[in-house]
Amino acid sequence: MSLRGSRLLWLWGGLLAALLCLLFLPLTAGERGFAILLIMTVVIAGLVSAGRRPGGLPEGELGLNDLPEAPYRLPVVLVCGDTPDWPGEGAVYRTAQGCWLRVSTAQLQQTVRHLLQERPELAAQLAVMVCVCPQQHDDEAVLTARLHELRWQLAQVRRDTGINIPLLLTALVAGASVTETLWQLLRAEEAPQVWQADEAPCSVSRWISQDDTASRTSAQVRINAQARFIAEVVLPALTAESPDMPSAVPAMVLYHQTPSVAVPVMPDSLWSRWLARHTTLTSLPGWLPGSSSPDDTPFPDFILPLLPQGGGITPRSRFLHRAFCLFTFAVLGALCSSAWNNRQLLHRLSFDVAQYYRIAMTDAAPKANAVAVLRNDAALLNDWSRNGEPLRYGLGLYRGERLRPAVLAAIKTYVLPPPPPPVIKQVVQRPQTVRLDSMSLFDTGKWQLKPGSTRVLVNALVGIKAKPGWLIVVSGHTDNTGDDKFNQQLSLKRAESVRDWMRDTGDVPESCFAVQGYGESRPAATNDTVEGRALNRRVEISLVPQADACMAPAPHSVAVNGDINKK
């Protein structure tokens, strides 16, 4: 294709690949971004590669401007080797049966690359013909090296094109006694055929029998000698096993005899030495070149119908064909992606429904989570039903409408759990700790209640009542003045005095009380000031829960401030 067509194909392929990634492939956002970046990189590399053209034909080669215009169906034969009688001035020679193109053996690969860059549709129509004229060589090693070069170049051409381009081998000899231009064709597993101008091909025996003279018999002897020379010198160089390059087995071998050649023949040629070595003759009669004839041509047009021919594909049709192939691959990829996405959707929704039914209705929290998932699935399916499903699920493969009734049916079976019973918090009102100033109850250093302290105790202990399960704790405290041991004993005695008053006055069992003396160990304020020490001299009374405390109080009534307290 042309440079423009190649670039359009790269852009078309990149566009299709990007649409496939964005709309159909099951990719995450990060994977989709990476895929788009990769596609852009490949397309840019393809555009750059498509813009690279060979820098022209190899040096010494003629231009290929005379190539037949597309579409061209006939074979195109690249002729290299010993081609003395090339007609015309250009490198291209066209006949009614095909096209002959002269190339250099050393530049065969580069010439083919240039040819296929300009006319890639000719790849399937190419063939290579190497001409060997033993009368023009005097060194067998040089001839073998040239054949090895042809073998390597042909291997590179076959690798570049991916086509097993056929190789034709032509052996050419000339002599003054040759009365007619003669071609003899040898193909694998076929008998040799003789081709003459304006005559149908025939077998060797029939050709010899057509003329009673000895000329055709002697001509066949010369051809047999040619065949032996080719078999011993030329074919081993092309077909011998080599680790560096594959063998190049000729598809056809042609033996050509002509009355003259256009170039001088070496007197001590490789051909004459071979004849002397194998026949004890310096030459066969009449095998010296004569005058050239303008009607002689080295091209066997009769073999062209036997070579591969093209389909007449134009660059435009090739471009459209490849563009359609890319579109077909993209459609197949989209269909496969849609089928995969619908399969994943089916598995996910089936799992959600099965998971919902698997959870018992009494298991409230997991059941609520499962039905929430189903509601999300139903909302998604309903939205797709109203507005159309995404393309990645479309292309006629969407199955959401079949799944939606099963999801909705599962949601309808859900029953809300009964509300939990209200939590009633019972607030236990505990009386605050009653704090009594020791100096209002006792004299300094004494633990006997002062006269008149009863009124203070009655007013302060209104909220302290004996109840089953509650222990009345009476604790005494002092400041840090005086001896620690005395202070501890004083605090305990004062607590006992208050306990005794409450016990005797209210007729409360002693099991309802607990007496503690802390001395100066638990100050309520600092002892560095007068005010702080006054606060630390105290008796505290509080209720503490205890299961076995005050279980069987003796009934008794006591009047306190005109109120009757039952204890």
Protein backbone atom coordinates (compact mmCIF):
# COMPACT_ATOMS: atom_id res chain seq x y z
CA MET A 1 0.00 0.00 0.00
CA SER A 2 0.95 3.64 -0.24
CA LEU A 3 2.41 5.60 2.62
CA ARG A 4 -0.92 7.34 3.16
CA GLY A 5 -2.80 4.04 3.20
CA SER A 6 -0.39 2.54 5.75
CA ARG A 7 -0.77 5.51 8.07
CA LEU A 8 -4.55 5.45 7.76
CA LEU A 9 -4.53 1.77 8.65
CA TRP A 10 -2.44 2.45 11.77
CA LEU A 11 -4.81 5.23 12.83
CA TRP A 12 -7.86 3.07 12.10
CA GLY A 13 -6.44 0.16 14.09
CA GLY A 14 -5.53 2.44 17.00
CA LEU A 15 -9.03 3.96 17.03
CA LEU A 16 -10.68 0.54 17.08
CA ALA A 17 -8.37 -0.69 19.84
CA ALA A 18 -9.06 2.42 21.95
CA LEU A 19 -12.83 2.04 21.55
CA LEU A 20 -12.53 -1.62 22.48
CA CYS A 21 -10.65 -0.75 25.68
CA LEU A 22 -12.91 2.14 26.65
CA LEU A 23 -16.30 0.59 25.91
CA PHE A 24 -16.04 -3.19 26.08
CA LEU A 25 -13.05 -4.68 27.86
CA PRO A 26 -13.59 -5.35 31.62
CA LEU A 27 -10.76 -3.10 32.82
CA THR A 28 -10.36 -0.90 35.86
CA ALA A 29 -9.74 2.82 35.46
CA GLY A 30 -6.00 2.39 35.96
CA GLU A 31 -5.77 -0.55 33.57
CA ARG A 32 -7.82 1.35 30.98
CA GLY A 33 -5.48 4.35 31.19
CA PHE A 34 -2.42 2.12 30.80
CA ALA A 35 -4.00 0.37 27.80
CA ILE A 36 -4.76 3.69 26.07
CA LEU A 37 -1.17 4.85 26.67
CA LEU A 38 0.16 1.58 25.24
CA ILE A 39 -2.09 1.87 22.17
CA MET A 40 -0.94 5.43 21.53
CA THR A 41 2.70 4.34 21.79
CA VAL A 42 2.19 1.48 19.32
CA VAL A 43 0.29 3.68 16.86
CA ILE A 44 2.96 6.39 16.95
CA ALA A 45 5.67 3.77 16.40
CA GLY A 46 3.66 2.35 13.49
CA LEU A 47 3.24 5.79 11.91
CA VAL A 48 6.96 6.43 12.18
CA SER A 49 7.75 3.00 10.73
CA ALA A 50 5.27 3.49 7.88
CA GLY A 51 6.94 6.80 7.03
CA ARG A 52 10.32 5.17 6.55
CA ARG A 53 10.98 4.44 2.90
CA PRO A 54 14.13 2.97 1.39
CA GLY A 55 16.48 5.71 0.39
CA GLY A 56 16.15 4.77 -3.29
CA LEU A 57 17.45 1.88 -5.32
CA PRO A 58 20.91 0.45 -4.68
CA GLU A 59 23.76 2.16 -6.37
CA GLY A 60 24.18 0.88 -9.94
CA GLU A 61 20.58 -0.27 -10.31
CA LEU A 62 18.30 1.31 -12.88
CA GLY A 63 15.00 2.88 -11.88
CA LEU A 64 11.80 0.91 -11.60
CA ASN A 65 9.55 3.57 -13.04
CA ASP A 66 8.45 1.28 -15.88
CA LEU A 67 6.70 -1.24 -13.63
CA PRO A 68 3.23 -2.18 -14.88
CA GLU A 69 0.44 -0.26 -13.22
CA ALA A 70 -1.87 -1.92 -10.70
CA PRO A 71 -3.68 -4.17 -10.87
CA TYR A 72 -1.17 -6.51 -12.52
CA ARG A 73 -1.81 -10.25 -12.47
CA LEU A 74 1.11 -11.69 -14.45
CA PRO A 75 4.35 -13.01 -12.93
CA VAL A 76 7.31 -10.73 -12.22
CA VAL A 77 10.68 -12.47 -12.58
CA LEU A 78 13.83 -10.95 -11.08
CA VAL A 79 16.73 -11.90 -13.35
CA CYS A 80 20.27 -11.97 -11.97
CA GLY A 81 23.55 -13.61 -12.83
CA ASP A 82 24.91 -13.80 -16.41
CA THR A 83 22.40 -11.82 -18.52
CA PRO A 84 24.29 -10.72 -21.64
CA ASP A 85 21.39 -10.14 -24.05
CA TRP A 86 19.12 -7.76 -22.12
CA PRO A 87 16.71 -6.10 -24.50
CA GLY A 88 16.13 -2.37 -24.22
CA GLU A 89 17.80 0.17 -21.98
CA GLY A 90 15.70 -0.06 -18.82
CA ALA A 91 15.73 -2.62 -16.07
CA VAL A 92 12.14 -3.67 -16.82
CA TYR A 93 11.18 -5.74 -19.84
CA ARG A 94 7.52 -6.59 -20.34
CA THR A 95 6.07 -9.27 -22.57
CA ALA A 96 2.58 -10.58 -23.15
CA GLN A 97 3.12 -13.35 -20.58
CA GLY A 98 4.78 -11.38 -17.78
CA CYS A 99 7.44 -8.97 -16.67
CA TRP A 100 11.23 -9.45 -16.46
CA LEU A 101 13.24 -7.27 -14.10
CA ARG A 102 17.04 -7.15 -14.12
CA VAL A 103 18.67 -6.94 -10.68
CA SER A 104 22.12 -7.33 -9.21
CA THR A 105 22.75 -10.48 -7.19
CA ALA A 106 24.40 -8.53 -4.38
CA GLN A 107 21.46 -6.10 -4.20
CA LEU A 108 18.62 -8.61 -4.58
CA GLN A 109 17.24 -8.17 -1.04
CA GLN A 110 17.37 -4.37 -1.13
CA THR A 111 15.77 -4.24 -4.56
CA VAL A 112 12.94 -6.52 -3.46
CA ARG A 113 12.34 -4.34 -0.39
CA HIS A 114 12.09 -1.25 -2.56
CA LEU A 115 9.82 -3.03 -5.01
CA LEU A 116 7.46 -4.23 -2.29
CA GLN A 117 7.47 -0.79 -0.66
CA GLU A 118 6.20 0.65 -3.91
CA ARG A 119 4.03 -2.28 -5.00
CA PRO A 120 3.39 -4.70 -2.09
CA GLU A 121 0.65 -6.48 -4.04
CA LEU A 122 3.36 -8.00 -6.28
CA ALA A 123 4.81 -10.12 -3.45
CA ALA A 124 2.88 -13.26 -4.42
CA GLN A 125 3.84 -12.88 -8.11
CA LEU A 126 7.61 -12.72 -7.67
CA ALA A 127 10.12 -15.29 -8.88
CA VAL A 128 13.93 -15.22 -9.10
CA MET A 129 15.86 -16.54 -12.10
CA VAL A 130 19.63 -16.93 -12.01
CA CYS A 131 21.43 -17.32 -15.32
CA VAL A 132 24.71 -19.26 -15.41
CA CYS A 133 26.84 -19.10 -18.54
CA PRO A 134 29.90 -21.34 -17.94
CA GLN A 135 31.62 -19.87 -21.01
CA GLN A 136 31.94 -16.53 -19.15
CA HIS A 137 33.70 -17.89 -16.06
CA ASP A 138 37.26 -19.02 -15.61
CA ASP A 139 37.34 -19.54 -11.82
CA GLU A 140 35.09 -22.12 -10.17
CA ALA A 141 35.63 -20.62 -6.69
CA VAL A 142 34.40 -17.21 -7.85
CA LEU A 143 31.31 -18.79 -9.46
CA THR A 144 30.61 -20.74 -6.23
CA ALA A 145 30.97 -17.56 -4.17
CA ARG A 146 28.46 -15.77 -6.41
CA LEU A 147 26.01 -18.64 -6.06
CA HIS A 148 26.43 -18.57 -2.27
CA GLU A 149 25.71 -14.83 -2.35
CA LEU A 150 22.55 -15.51 -4.38
CA ARG A 151 21.55 -18.22 -1.90
CA TRP A 152 21.96 -15.88 1.07
CA GLN A 153 20.12 -13.02 -0.65
CA LEU A 154 17.24 -15.32 -1.61
CA ALA A 155 16.95 -16.52 2.01
CA GLN A 156 16.70 -12.90 3.18
CA VAL A 157 14.06 -12.14 0.54
CA ARG A 158 11.98 -15.14 1.60
CA ARG A 159 12.27 -14.07 5.23
CA ASP A 160 11.20 -10.49 4.47
CA THR A 161 8.22 -11.45 2.32
CA GLY A 162 7.17 -14.56 4.23
CA ILE A 163 6.70 -16.27 0.84
CA ASN A 164 8.70 -19.15 -0.59
CA ILE A 165 9.65 -17.31 -3.76
CA PRO A 166 10.51 -19.88 -6.47
CA LEU A 167 14.05 -20.03 -7.86
CA LEU A 168 14.64 -20.70 -11.58
CA LEU A 169 18.08 -21.86 -12.78
CA THR A 170 19.03 -21.23 -16.42
CA ALA A 171 22.18 -22.71 -17.98
CA LEU A 172 23.17 -20.84 -21.16
CA VAL A 173 25.70 -21.94 -23.83
CA ALA A 174 26.26 -20.60 -27.33
CA GLY A 175 27.93 -21.91 -30.46
CA ALA A 176 28.27 -21.18 -34.16
CA SER A 177 26.90 -24.57 -35.18
CA VAL A 178 23.70 -24.21 -33.19
CA THR A 179 21.10 -23.79 -35.90
CA GLU A 180 18.08 -23.05 -33.69
CA THR A 181 17.34 -21.49 -30.35
CA LEU A 182 16.54 -24.33 -28.02
CA TRP A 183 15.14 -24.52 -24.51
CA GLN A 184 14.86 -27.66 -22.46
CA LEU A 185 12.86 -27.55 -19.22
CA LEU A 186 13.41 -29.86 -16.27
CA ARG A 187 10.94 -29.86 -13.34
CA ALA A 188 10.86 -32.05 -10.27
CA GLU A 189 9.28 -35.47 -10.86
CA GLU A 190 8.58 -34.64 -14.51
CA ALA A 191 10.25 -35.74 -17.73
CA PRO A 192 12.31 -33.08 -19.56
CA GLN A 193 10.45 -31.06 -22.16
CA VAL A 194 11.82 -29.34 -25.25
CA TRP A 195 10.51 -25.87 -26.09
CA GLN A 196 11.02 -24.26 -29.50
CA ALA A 197 9.79 -21.02 -30.91
CA ASP A 198 6.27 -21.18 -32.31
CA GLU A 199 5.95 -24.88 -31.46
CA ALA A 200 4.23 -26.82 -28.73
CA PRO A 201 6.44 -28.45 -26.06
CA CYS A 202 7.34 -32.08 -26.56
CA SER A 203 9.45 -34.81 -25.01
CA VAL A 204 13.14 -35.22 -25.86
CA SER A 205 12.60 -38.46 -27.77
CA ARG A 206 9.85 -36.98 -29.90
CA TRP A 207 11.90 -33.87 -30.62
CA ILE A 208 14.86 -35.95 -31.79
CA SER A 209 12.63 -38.18 -33.95
CA GLN A 210 11.17 -35.15 -35.78
CA ASP A 211 14.46 -34.63 -37.68
CA ASP A 212 16.39 -37.49 -39.28
CA THR A 213 19.62 -35.52 -39.40
CA ALA A 214 22.24 -35.82 -36.68
CA SER A 215 21.94 -32.15 -35.67
CA ARG A 216 19.32 -32.70 -32.99
CA THR A 217 21.16 -35.72 -31.63
CA SER A 218 24.35 -33.69 -31.28
CA ALA A 219 22.34 -30.84 -29.72
CA GLN A 220 20.99 -33.27 -27.12
CA VAL A 221 24.55 -34.43 -26.41
CA ARG A 222 25.49 -30.80 -25.70
CA ILE A 223 22.49 -30.39 -23.43
CA ASN A 224 23.42 -33.54 -21.54
CA ALA A 225 26.87 -32.09 -21.00
CA GLN A 226 25.27 -28.89 -19.72
CA ALA A 227 23.17 -30.93 -17.30
CA ARG A 228 26.22 -32.73 -15.94
CA PHE A 229 28.07 -29.44 -15.47
CA ILE A 230 25.10 -27.93 -13.60
CA ALA A 231 24.72 -31.03 -11.44
CA GLU A 232 28.42 -31.13 -10.49
CA VAL A 233 29.29 -27.43 -10.17
CA VAL A 234 26.19 -25.25 -9.73
CA LEU A 235 23.60 -27.28 -7.81
CA PRO A 236 25.94 -28.24 -4.92
CA ALA A 237 26.61 -24.56 -4.27
CA LEU A 238 22.87 -23.92 -4.01
CA THR A 239 21.64 -27.01 -2.18
CA ALA A 240 24.51 -28.24 0.02
CA GLU A 241 23.70 -28.15 3.74
CA SER A 242 25.05 -25.10 5.55
CA PRO A 243 24.60 -23.85 9.14
CA ASP A 244 24.52 -20.24 7.93
CA MET A 245 21.73 -20.33 5.36
CA PRO A 246 19.01 -22.66 4.10
CA SER A 247 19.32 -24.47 0.81
CA ALA A 248 17.92 -22.96 -2.38
CA VAL A 249 16.53 -25.81 -4.44
CA PRO A 250 15.54 -24.63 -7.94
CA ALA A 251 11.89 -25.13 -8.85
CA MET A 252 12.89 -25.38 -12.52
CA VAL A 253 16.16 -25.93 -14.40
CA LEU A 254 16.33 -24.65 -17.98
CA TYR A 255 19.06 -25.52 -20.47
CA HIS A 256 19.39 -22.93 -23.21
CA GLN A 257 21.32 -23.11 -26.48
CA THR A 258 21.55 -20.12 -28.76
CA PRO A 259 23.56 -19.44 -31.94
CA SER A 260 25.28 -16.40 -30.43
CA VAL A 261 25.79 -14.30 -27.34
CA ALA A 262 26.35 -10.60 -27.05
CA VAL A 263 29.50 -10.75 -24.94
CA PRO A 264 32.83 -12.38 -25.69
CA VAL A 265 33.41 -15.87 -24.41
CA MET A 266 36.61 -16.57 -22.47
CA PRO A 267 38.85 -18.86 -24.47
CA ASP A 268 40.07 -20.67 -21.34
CA SER A 269 36.68 -20.72 -19.68
CA LEU A 270 35.46 -22.90 -16.88
CA TRP A 271 33.26 -24.64 -19.44
CA SER A 272 36.12 -25.56 -21.79
CA ARG A 273 38.26 -26.85 -18.93
CA TRP A 274 35.35 -28.95 -17.65
CA LEU A 275 34.86 -30.43 -21.13
CA ALA A 276 38.53 -31.30 -21.40
CA ARG A 277 38.52 -32.92 -17.99
CA HIS A 278 35.40 -35.02 -18.61
CA THR A 279 35.51 -35.65 -22.39
CA THR A 280 39.23 -35.21 -23.24
CA LEU A 281 38.12 -32.50 -25.67
CA THR A 282 38.91 -28.81 -25.51
CA SER A 283 35.48 -28.04 -26.92
CA LEU A 284 32.65 -29.62 -28.74
CA PRO A 285 32.25 -28.87 -32.45
CA GLY A 286 30.56 -25.60 -33.12
CA TRP A 287 30.69 -24.36 -29.54
CA LEU A 288 32.43 -21.16 -30.33
CA PRO A 289 30.20 -18.07 -30.31
CA GLY A 290 29.19 -16.62 -33.60
CA SER A 291 27.62 -13.33 -34.56
CA SER A 292 24.85 -11.94 -32.41
CA SER A 293 21.31 -11.94 -33.62
CA PRO A 294 18.83 -9.21 -32.56
CA ASP A 295 16.02 -11.74 -32.50
CA ASP A 296 17.67 -13.86 -29.79
CA THR A 297 16.43 -13.28 -26.27
CA PRO A 298 17.46 -15.00 -23.04
CA PHE A 299 13.93 -14.93 -21.60
CA PRO A 300 11.90 -18.16 -21.66
CA ASP A 301 8.41 -16.65 -21.84
CA PHE A 302 6.89 -20.10 -22.04
CA ILE A 303 7.57 -20.73 -18.32
CA LEU A 304 5.67 -17.63 -17.17
CA PRO A 305 2.25 -19.33 -17.17
CA LEU A 306 3.77 -21.94 -14.83
CA LEU A 307 4.70 -19.30 -12.21
CA PRO A 308 2.45 -17.82 -9.49
CA GLN A 309 0.10 -15.11 -10.68
CA GLY A 310 -1.59 -12.35 -8.73
CA GLY A 311 -5.22 -11.67 -8.05
CA GLY A 312 -5.29 -8.22 -9.55
CA ILE A 313 -5.63 -6.48 -6.20
CA THR A 314 -5.42 -2.70 -6.34
CA PRO A 315 -3.91 -0.67 -3.48
CA ARG A 316 -7.35 0.72 -2.73
CA SER A 317 -8.94 -2.73 -2.53
CA ARG A 318 -6.04 -3.96 -0.38
CA PHE A 319 -6.50 -1.00 1.96
CA LEU A 320 -10.24 -1.60 2.23
CA HIS A 321 -9.69 -5.32 2.77
CA ARG A 322 -7.23 -4.74 5.62
CA ALA A 323 -9.40 -2.03 7.15
CA PHE A 324 -12.37 -4.41 7.07
CA CYS A 325 -10.24 -7.16 8.64
CA LEU A 326 -9.28 -4.82 11.48
CA PHE A 327 -12.93 -3.88 11.95
CA THR A 328 -13.90 -7.56 11.97
CA PHE A 329 -11.30 -8.35 14.63
CA ALA A 330 -12.53 -5.40 16.70
CA VAL A 331 -16.15 -6.58 16.41
CA LEU A 332 -15.14 -10.10 17.44
CA GLY A 333 -13.24 -8.67 20.39
CA ALA A 334 -16.25 -6.57 21.37
CA LEU A 335 -18.56 -9.58 21.15
CA CYS A 336 -16.22 -11.69 23.27
CA SER A 337 -15.93 -8.90 25.83
CA SER A 338 -19.71 -8.43 25.95
CA ALA A 339 -20.21 -12.16 26.45
CA TRP A 340 -17.64 -12.17 29.25
CA ASN A 341 -19.18 -9.11 30.94
CA ASN A 342 -22.68 -10.65 30.82
CA ARG A 343 -21.30 -13.90 32.20
CA GLN A 344 -19.70 -12.02 35.11
CA LEU A 345 -22.97 -10.11 35.70
CA LEU A 346 -24.92 -13.37 35.79
CA HIS A 347 -22.50 -14.92 38.27
CA ARG A 348 -22.52 -11.86 40.52
CA LEU A 349 -26.29 -11.49 40.68
CA SER A 350 -26.79 -15.24 41.13
CA PHE A 351 -24.34 -15.18 44.00
CA ASP A 352 -26.10 -12.20 45.62
CA VAL A 353 -29.50 -13.93 45.41
CA ALA A 354 -28.13 -17.23 46.70
CA GLN A 355 -26.32 -15.46 49.53
CA TYR A 356 -29.56 -13.70 50.53
CA TYR A 357 -31.54 -16.97 50.70
CA ARG A 358 -28.71 -18.66 52.56
CA ILE A 359 -28.97 -16.26 55.53
CA ALA A 360 -31.73 -16.97 58.04
CA MET A 361 -34.39 -14.31 58.56
CA THR A 362 -33.66 -14.32 62.28
CA ASP A 363 -30.07 -13.23 61.59
CA ALA A 364 -31.11 -9.59 61.31
CA ALA A 365 -27.86 -7.73 60.55
CA PRO A 366 -26.44 -10.05 57.84
CA LYS A 367 -29.91 -10.36 56.30
CA ALA A 368 -30.25 -6.58 56.15
CA ASN A 369 -26.82 -6.30 54.46
CA ALA A 370 -27.76 -8.98 51.93
CA VAL A 371 -31.06 -7.30 51.01
CA ALA A 372 -29.24 -3.95 50.70
CA VAL A 373 -26.96 -5.53 48.10
CA LEU A 374 -29.99 -6.88 46.23
CA ARG A 375 -31.64 -3.46 46.28
CA ASN A 376 -28.51 -1.94 44.71
CA ASP A 377 -28.55 -4.65 42.04
CA ALA A 378 -32.25 -4.02 41.36
CA ALA A 379 -31.69 -0.26 41.12
CA LEU A 380 -28.90 -0.83 38.58
CA LEU A 381 -31.01 -3.22 36.49
CA ASN A 382 -34.00 -0.87 36.60
CA ASP A 383 -31.84 2.02 35.43
CA TRP A 384 -30.49 -0.05 32.53
CA SER A 385 -34.03 -1.15 31.67
CA ARG A 386 -35.19 2.48 31.41
CA ASN A 387 -32.13 4.11 29.84
CA GLY A 388 -30.51 1.20 28.03
CA GLU A 389 -27.68 -1.04 29.14
CA PRO A 390 -24.01 0.01 28.67
CA LEU A 391 -22.27 -0.99 25.46
CA ARG A 392 -20.02 -3.42 27.30
CA TYR A 393 -23.14 -5.51 28.05
CA GLY A 394 -24.86 -4.90 24.72
CA LEU A 395 -24.47 -6.17 21.14
CA GLY A 396 -27.49 -8.43 21.62
CA LEU A 397 -25.96 -10.39 24.51
CA TYR A 398 -27.52 -8.51 27.46
CA ARG A 399 -29.27 -10.82 29.95
CA GLY A 400 -30.20 -8.35 32.68
CA GLU A 401 -33.92 -8.48 31.90
CA ARG A 402 -33.93 -12.19 32.67
CA LEU A 403 -32.19 -11.63 36.01
CA ARG A 404 -34.28 -8.69 37.25
CA PRO A 405 -37.45 -10.69 38.21
CA ALA A 406 -35.41 -13.09 40.36
CA VAL A 407 -33.76 -10.19 42.18
CA LEU A 408 -37.08 -8.40 42.78
CA ALA A 409 -38.72 -11.62 43.98
CA ALA A 410 -35.96 -12.14 46.53
CA ILE A 411 -36.37 -8.57 47.81
CA LYS A 412 -40.13 -9.08 48.32
CA THR A 413 -39.51 -11.99 50.68
CA TYR A 414 -37.63 -9.78 53.12
CA VAL A 415 -39.44 -9.16 56.42
CA LEU A 416 -38.31 -6.38 58.69
CA PRO A 417 -37.23 -7.64 62.13
CA PRO A 418 -39.35 -6.50 65.13
CA PRO A 419 -38.02 -3.41 66.82
CA PRO A 420 -35.93 -4.10 69.93
CA PRO A 421 -37.66 -3.50 73.31
CA PRO A 422 -36.96 -0.08 74.76
CA VAL A 423 -34.14 0.01 77.22
CA ILE A 424 -35.31 1.34 80.58
CA LYS A 425 -32.50 2.77 82.53
CA GLN A 426 -33.10 2.61 86.25
CA VAL A 427 -31.39 5.47 87.89
CA VAL A 428 -30.43 4.60 91.42
CA GLN A 429 -30.54 7.69 93.49
CA ARG A 430 -27.81 7.40 95.99
CA PRO A 431 -27.67 9.99 98.77
CA GLN A 432 -24.70 12.21 98.73
CA THR A 433 -21.99 11.75 101.30
CA VAL A 434 -22.79 13.72 104.42
CA ARG A 435 -19.80 15.60 105.78
CA LEU A 436 -19.89 16.77 109.43
CA ASP A 437 -17.49 19.24 110.98
CA SER A 438 -15.76 17.52 113.90
CA MET A 439 -15.42 20.75 115.86
CA SER A 440 -19.21 21.19 115.87
CA LEU A 441 -19.60 17.70 117.39
CA PHE A 442 -16.54 17.24 119.53
CA ASP A 443 -14.15 19.21 121.67
CA THR A 444 -10.52 19.39 120.69
CA GLY A 445 -8.84 16.02 121.26
CA LYS A 446 -12.11 14.46 122.49
CA TRP A 447 -14.46 11.90 120.95
CA GLN A 448 -17.50 12.36 123.18
CA LEU A 449 -20.34 14.23 121.51
CA LYS A 450 -20.75 17.74 122.86
CA PRO A 451 -24.02 18.77 124.38
CA GLY A 452 -26.18 20.30 121.67
CA SER A 453 -24.63 18.20 118.86
CA THR A 454 -27.84 16.20 118.53
CA ARG A 455 -29.51 19.01 116.58
CA VAL A 456 -26.60 19.11 114.14
CA LEU A 457 -26.77 15.33 113.61
CA VAL A 458 -30.54 15.31 113.09
CA ASN A 459 -30.40 18.10 110.49
CA ALA A 460 -27.50 16.53 108.64
CA LEU A 461 -28.65 12.88 108.56
CA VAL A 462 -32.17 13.33 107.16
CA GLY A 463 -31.24 11.52 103.87
CA ILE A 464 -29.34 8.67 105.52
CA LYS A 465 -31.80 5.79 105.96
CA ALA A 466 -31.18 2.17 106.74
CA LYS A 467 -32.18 -0.06 103.75
CA PRO A 468 -31.57 -3.74 103.01
CA GLY A 469 -28.59 -4.14 100.74
CA TRP A 470 -27.01 -0.84 101.72
CA LEU A 471 -24.23 -0.37 104.26
CA ILE A 472 -23.94 2.86 106.27
CA VAL A 473 -20.25 3.73 106.28
CA VAL A 474 -19.07 6.19 108.96
CA SER A 475 -15.48 7.37 108.52
CA GLY A 476 -13.52 9.79 110.72
CA HIS A 477 -10.71 12.15 109.58
CA THR A 478 -8.29 14.57 111.32
CA ASP A 479 -5.72 17.12 110.30
CA ASN A 480 -1.98 16.55 110.64
CA THR A 481 -1.65 18.31 113.95
CA GLY A 482 -0.31 16.05 116.70
CA ASP A 483 0.76 12.42 116.75
CA ASP A 484 -0.26 10.24 113.76
CA LYS A 485 -1.24 7.28 115.94
CA PHE A 486 -3.32 9.43 118.21
CA ASN A 487 -4.99 11.11 115.23
CA GLN A 488 -5.93 7.73 113.78
CA GLN A 489 -7.37 6.51 117.06
CA LEU A 490 -9.19 9.82 117.56
CA SER A 491 -10.77 9.63 114.11
CA LEU A 492 -11.95 6.06 114.74
CA LYS A 493 -13.42 6.95 118.18
CA ARG A 494 -15.28 9.91 116.75
CA ALA A 495 -16.72 7.73 113.96
CA GLU A 496 -17.85 5.18 116.54
CA SER A 497 -19.52 7.92 118.60
CA VAL A 498 -21.55 9.02 115.58
CA ARG A 499 -22.34 5.38 114.77
CA ASP A 500 -23.51 4.77 118.32
CA TRP A 501 -25.77 7.84 118.27
CA MET A 502 -27.39 6.72 114.98
CA ARG A 503 -27.74 3.14 116.22
CA ASP A 504 -29.27 4.10 119.53
CA THR A 505 -31.45 6.92 118.27
CA GLY A 506 -32.89 5.03 115.28
CA ASP A 507 -32.75 1.55 116.76
CA VAL A 508 -30.71 0.44 113.67
CA PRO A 509 -28.92 -2.92 113.87
CA GLU A 510 -25.20 -2.67 114.13
CA SER A 511 -24.88 -4.85 111.01
CA CYS A 512 -26.02 -1.85 108.99
CA PHE A 513 -22.88 0.10 109.92
CA ALA A 514 -19.22 0.08 109.05
CA VAL A 515 -16.85 2.32 111.01
CA GLN A 516 -13.48 3.51 109.64
CA GLY A 517 -10.84 5.82 111.08
CA TYR A 518 -8.39 7.32 108.57
CA GLY A 519 -6.68 9.90 110.77
CA GLU A 520 -4.76 12.38 108.65
CA SER A 521 -4.22 9.95 105.68
CA ARG A 522 -7.06 11.31 103.51
CA PRO A 523 -7.04 15.08 103.67
CA ALA A 524 -9.80 16.94 101.85
CA ALA A 525 -7.70 20.10 101.65
CA THR A 526 -4.20 21.25 102.36
CA ASN A 527 -3.00 21.18 105.97
CA ASP A 528 -0.79 24.21 105.46
CA THR A 529 -3.59 26.68 106.20
CA VAL A 530 -6.05 27.11 109.04
CA GLU A 531 -8.97 26.78 106.67
CA GLY A 532 -7.58 23.61 105.14
CA ARG A 533 -6.99 21.97 108.51
CA ALA A 534 -10.57 22.87 109.55
CA LEU A 535 -11.90 21.08 106.46
CA ASN A 536 -9.81 18.01 107.18
CA ARG A 537 -11.30 17.62 110.71
CA ARG A 538 -14.52 15.86 109.65
CA VAL A 539 -16.80 12.82 109.91
CA GLU A 540 -18.26 11.47 106.61
CA ILE A 541 -21.38 9.27 106.38
CA SER A 542 -22.34 7.52 103.09
CA LEU A 543 -24.33 4.58 101.77
CA VAL A 544 -22.42 1.76 100.03
CA PRO A 545 -24.23 -1.19 98.27
CA GLN A 546 -23.63 -4.54 99.95
CA ALA A 547 -25.83 -7.57 99.43
CA ASP A 548 -25.90 -8.87 103.00
CA ALA A 549 -26.05 -5.51 104.75
CA CYS A 550 -29.01 -4.55 106.93
CA MET A 551 -31.21 -7.45 105.80
CA ALA A 552 -33.55 -7.66 108.86
CA PRO A 553 -33.84 -4.32 110.50
CA ALA A 554 -35.92 -4.08 113.65
CA PRO A 555 -39.07 -2.01 113.07
CA HIS A 556 -38.96 1.19 115.01
CA SER A 557 -40.25 4.73 114.57
CA VAL A 558 -38.24 7.83 115.30
CA ALA A 559 -39.41 11.38 114.92
CA VAL A 560 -36.85 13.60 113.25
CA ASN A 561 -37.76 17.27 112.69
CA GLY A 562 -41.45 16.29 112.93
CA ASP A 563 -41.03 13.54 110.16
CA ILE A 564 -41.53 9.82 110.80
CA ASN A 565 -38.65 7.73 109.34
CA LYS A 566 -39.17 4.01 109.29
CA LYS A 567 -35.94 2.09 109.64
